[in-house]
Amino acid sequence: MQKISTEQIGEKIIILLQGDLDAADQRLNRLFVNPSPADQELGLWIDCSSLECIKTFGVCHFISQLLVLKSMGANIRLLRVGKQHNACCVCCRCIRFSP
């Protein structure tokens, strides 16, 4: 199960996902269905250090989840991406990587 934390930093609303990545999670969907005011940026940060979906379903599933979230309008930033997954994630050019 993914852990979802939300925090407002200045004009940005940051959503941090940890533990797993499930684009179908209703808690996550509600955050995108109820858009923030136009002057607030919604950022989705994903901690990749211990994602269960990569271990269980593989990298292709992970990439498809990223693409679903991107299609929902998420501004995605991946945190602690392993070297082996970095090359696979490059196909989603809209995703920024952080060390």
C-alpha atoms as a PDB file:
ATOM      1  CA  MET A   1       0.000   0.000   0.000  1.00  0.00           C
ATOM      2  CA  GLN A   2       1.289   3.412  -0.862  1.00  0.00           C
ATOM      3  CA  LYS A   3       1.781   6.079   1.745  1.00  0.00           C
ATOM      4  CA  ILE A   4       0.522   9.482   0.590  1.00  0.00           C
ATOM      5  CA  SER A   5       1.733  12.648   2.318  1.00  0.00           C
ATOM      6  CA  THR A   6       0.608  16.124   1.273  1.00  0.00           C
ATOM      7  CA  GLU A   7       2.312  19.387   2.171  1.00  0.00           C
ATOM      8  CA  GLN A   8       1.978  22.945   0.981  1.00  0.00           C
ATOM      9  CA  ILE A   9       5.260  24.764   0.383  1.00  0.00           C
ATOM     10  CA  GLY A  10       4.698  28.350  -0.656  1.00  0.00           C
ATOM     11  CA  GLU A  11       2.591  28.317  -3.818  1.00  0.00           C
ATOM     12  CA  LYS A  12       3.179  24.584  -4.393  1.00  0.00           C
ATOM     13  CA  ILE A  13       1.271  21.588  -3.142  1.00  0.00           C
ATOM     14  CA  ILE A  14       3.605  18.591  -2.895  1.00  0.00           C
ATOM     15  CA  ILE A  15       2.295  15.030  -2.816  1.00  0.00           C
ATOM     16  CA  LEU A  16       4.893  12.477  -1.667  1.00  0.00           C
ATOM     17  CA  LEU A  17       4.320   8.793  -2.474  1.00  0.00           C
ATOM     18  CA  GLN A  18       6.270   6.146  -0.575  1.00  0.00           C
ATOM     19  CA  GLY A  19       6.144   2.354  -0.376  1.00  0.00           C
ATOM     20  CA  ASP A  20       4.283   1.698  -3.614  1.00  0.00           C
ATOM     21  CA  LEU A  21       2.900   3.367  -6.733  1.00  0.00           C
ATOM     22  CA  ASP A  22      -0.748   2.802  -7.594  1.00  0.00           C
ATOM     23  CA  ALA A  23      -2.301   5.287 -10.000  1.00  0.00           C
ATOM     24  CA  ALA A  24      -5.722   3.714  -9.365  1.00  0.00           C
ATOM     25  CA  ASP A  25      -5.627   4.600  -5.647  1.00  0.00           C
ATOM     26  CA  GLN A  26      -8.808   6.564  -4.917  1.00  0.00           C
ATOM     27  CA  ARG A  27      -7.030   8.767  -2.373  1.00  0.00           C
ATOM     28  CA  LEU A  28      -4.570   9.860  -5.055  1.00  0.00           C
ATOM     29  CA  ASN A  29      -7.271  10.314  -7.702  1.00  0.00           C
ATOM     30  CA  ARG A  30      -9.232  12.664  -5.426  1.00  0.00           C
ATOM     31  CA  LEU A  31      -6.232  14.993  -5.234  1.00  0.00           C
ATOM     32  CA  PHE A  32      -6.244  15.363  -9.024  1.00  0.00           C
ATOM     33  CA  VAL A  33     -10.043  15.466  -9.474  1.00  0.00           C
ATOM     34  CA  ASN A  34     -10.333  18.370  -7.032  1.00  0.00           C
ATOM     35  CA  PRO A  35      -7.876  20.748  -8.675  1.00  0.00           C
ATOM     36  CA  SER A  36      -6.082  23.361  -6.638  1.00  0.00           C
ATOM     37  CA  PRO A  37      -6.503  27.041  -7.442  1.00  0.00           C
ATOM     38  CA  ALA A  38      -4.871  28.119 -10.699  1.00  0.00           C
ATOM     39  CA  ASP A  39      -2.027  29.882  -8.893  1.00  0.00           C
ATOM     40  CA  GLN A  40      -0.952  26.709  -7.048  1.00  0.00           C
ATOM     41  CA  GLU A  41       1.344  24.144  -8.645  1.00  0.00           C
ATOM     42  CA  LEU A  42       0.645  20.488  -7.873  1.00  0.00           C
ATOM     43  CA  GLY A  43       3.802  18.378  -7.675  1.00  0.00           C
ATOM     44  CA  LEU A  44       3.985  14.615  -7.305  1.00  0.00           C
ATOM     45  CA  TRP A  45       7.208  13.338  -5.741  1.00  0.00           C
ATOM     46  CA  ILE A  46       7.796   9.582  -5.764  1.00  0.00           C
ATOM     47  CA  ASP A  47      10.355   7.976  -3.452  1.00  0.00           C
ATOM     48  CA  CYS A  48      11.730   5.132  -5.596  1.00  0.00           C
ATOM     49  CA  SER A  49      14.015   3.679  -2.918  1.00  0.00           C
ATOM     50  CA  SER A  50      11.550   1.000  -1.830  1.00  0.00           C
ATOM     51  CA  LEU A  51       8.731   0.769  -4.364  1.00  0.00           C
ATOM     52  CA  GLU A  52       6.941  -2.567  -4.024  1.00  0.00           C
ATOM     53  CA  CYS A  53       5.393  -2.382  -7.511  1.00  0.00           C
ATOM     54  CA  ILE A  54       8.810  -2.615  -9.176  1.00  0.00           C
ATOM     55  CA  LYS A  55       9.658  -5.745  -7.175  1.00  0.00           C
ATOM     56  CA  THR A  56       6.228  -7.308  -7.716  1.00  0.00           C
ATOM     57  CA  PHE A  57       5.189  -6.261 -11.243  1.00  0.00           C
ATOM     58  CA  GLY A  58       8.418  -5.029 -12.859  1.00  0.00           C
ATOM     59  CA  VAL A  59       9.691  -1.848 -14.450  1.00  0.00           C
ATOM     60  CA  CYS A  60       7.146  -1.837 -17.304  1.00  0.00           C
ATOM     61  CA  HIS A  61       4.302  -1.622 -14.789  1.00  0.00           C
ATOM     62  CA  PHE A  62       6.120   1.206 -13.004  1.00  0.00           C
ATOM     63  CA  ILE A  63       6.519   3.112 -16.289  1.00  0.00           C
ATOM     64  CA  SER A  64       2.844   2.605 -17.152  1.00  0.00           C
ATOM     65  CA  GLN A  65       1.839   3.970 -13.735  1.00  0.00           C
ATOM     66  CA  LEU A  66       4.018   7.034 -14.343  1.00  0.00           C
ATOM     67  CA  LEU A  67       2.382   7.578 -17.739  1.00  0.00           C
ATOM     68  CA  VAL A  68      -1.113   7.307 -16.221  1.00  0.00           C
ATOM     69  CA  LEU A  69      -0.213   9.864 -13.569  1.00  0.00           C
ATOM     70  CA  LYS A  70       1.320  12.149 -16.195  1.00  0.00           C
ATOM     71  CA  SER A  71      -1.877  11.943 -18.268  1.00  0.00           C
ATOM     72  CA  MET A  72      -3.782  13.083 -15.152  1.00  0.00           C
ATOM     73  CA  GLY A  73      -1.678  16.253 -15.173  1.00  0.00           C
ATOM     74  CA  ALA A  74       0.873  15.323 -12.521  1.00  0.00           C
ATOM     75  CA  ASN A  75       4.179  17.206 -12.411  1.00  0.00           C
ATOM     76  CA  ILE A  76       6.285  14.170 -11.441  1.00  0.00           C
ATOM     77  CA  ARG A  77       9.663  14.143  -9.726  1.00  0.00           C
ATOM     78  CA  LEU A  78      11.363  10.840  -8.937  1.00  0.00           C
ATOM     79  CA  LEU A  79      13.512  10.676  -5.814  1.00  0.00           C
ATOM     80  CA  ARG A  80      16.297   8.127  -5.198  1.00  0.00           C
ATOM     81  CA  VAL A  81      16.019   6.389  -8.565  1.00  0.00           C
ATOM     82  CA  GLY A  82      18.351   3.421  -8.968  1.00  0.00           C
ATOM     83  CA  LYS A  83      20.770   3.447 -11.896  1.00  0.00           C
ATOM     84  CA  GLN A  84      19.090   0.432 -13.477  1.00  0.00           C
ATOM     85  CA  HIS A  85      15.692   2.154 -13.532  1.00  0.00           C
ATOM     86  CA  ASN A  86      16.992   5.552 -14.572  1.00  0.00           C
ATOM     87  CA  ALA A  87      17.487   4.509 -18.209  1.00  0.00           C
ATOM     88  CA  CYS A  88      13.978   3.055 -18.397  1.00  0.00           C
ATOM     89  CA  CYS A  89      12.427   6.230 -17.013  1.00  0.00           C
ATOM     90  CA  VAL A  90      14.145   8.486 -19.544  1.00  0.00           C
ATOM     91  CA  CYS A  91      11.391   7.610 -22.035  1.00  0.00           C
ATOM     92  CA  CYS A  92       9.093   9.774 -19.869  1.00  0.00           C
ATOM     93  CA  ARG A  93      10.960  12.993 -20.608  1.00  0.00           C
ATOM     94  CA  CYS A  94       8.564  15.051 -18.537  1.00  0.00           C
ATOM     95  CA  ILE A  95       9.838  13.425 -15.340  1.00  0.00           C
ATOM     96  CA  ARG A  96      12.599  15.161 -13.385  1.00  0.00           C
ATOM     97  CA  PHE A  97      15.071  13.175 -11.350  1.00  0.00           C
ATOM     98  CA  SER A  98      16.517  14.133  -7.992  1.00  0.00           C
ATOM     99  CA  PRO A  99      19.397  12.418  -6.195  1.00  0.00           C
END
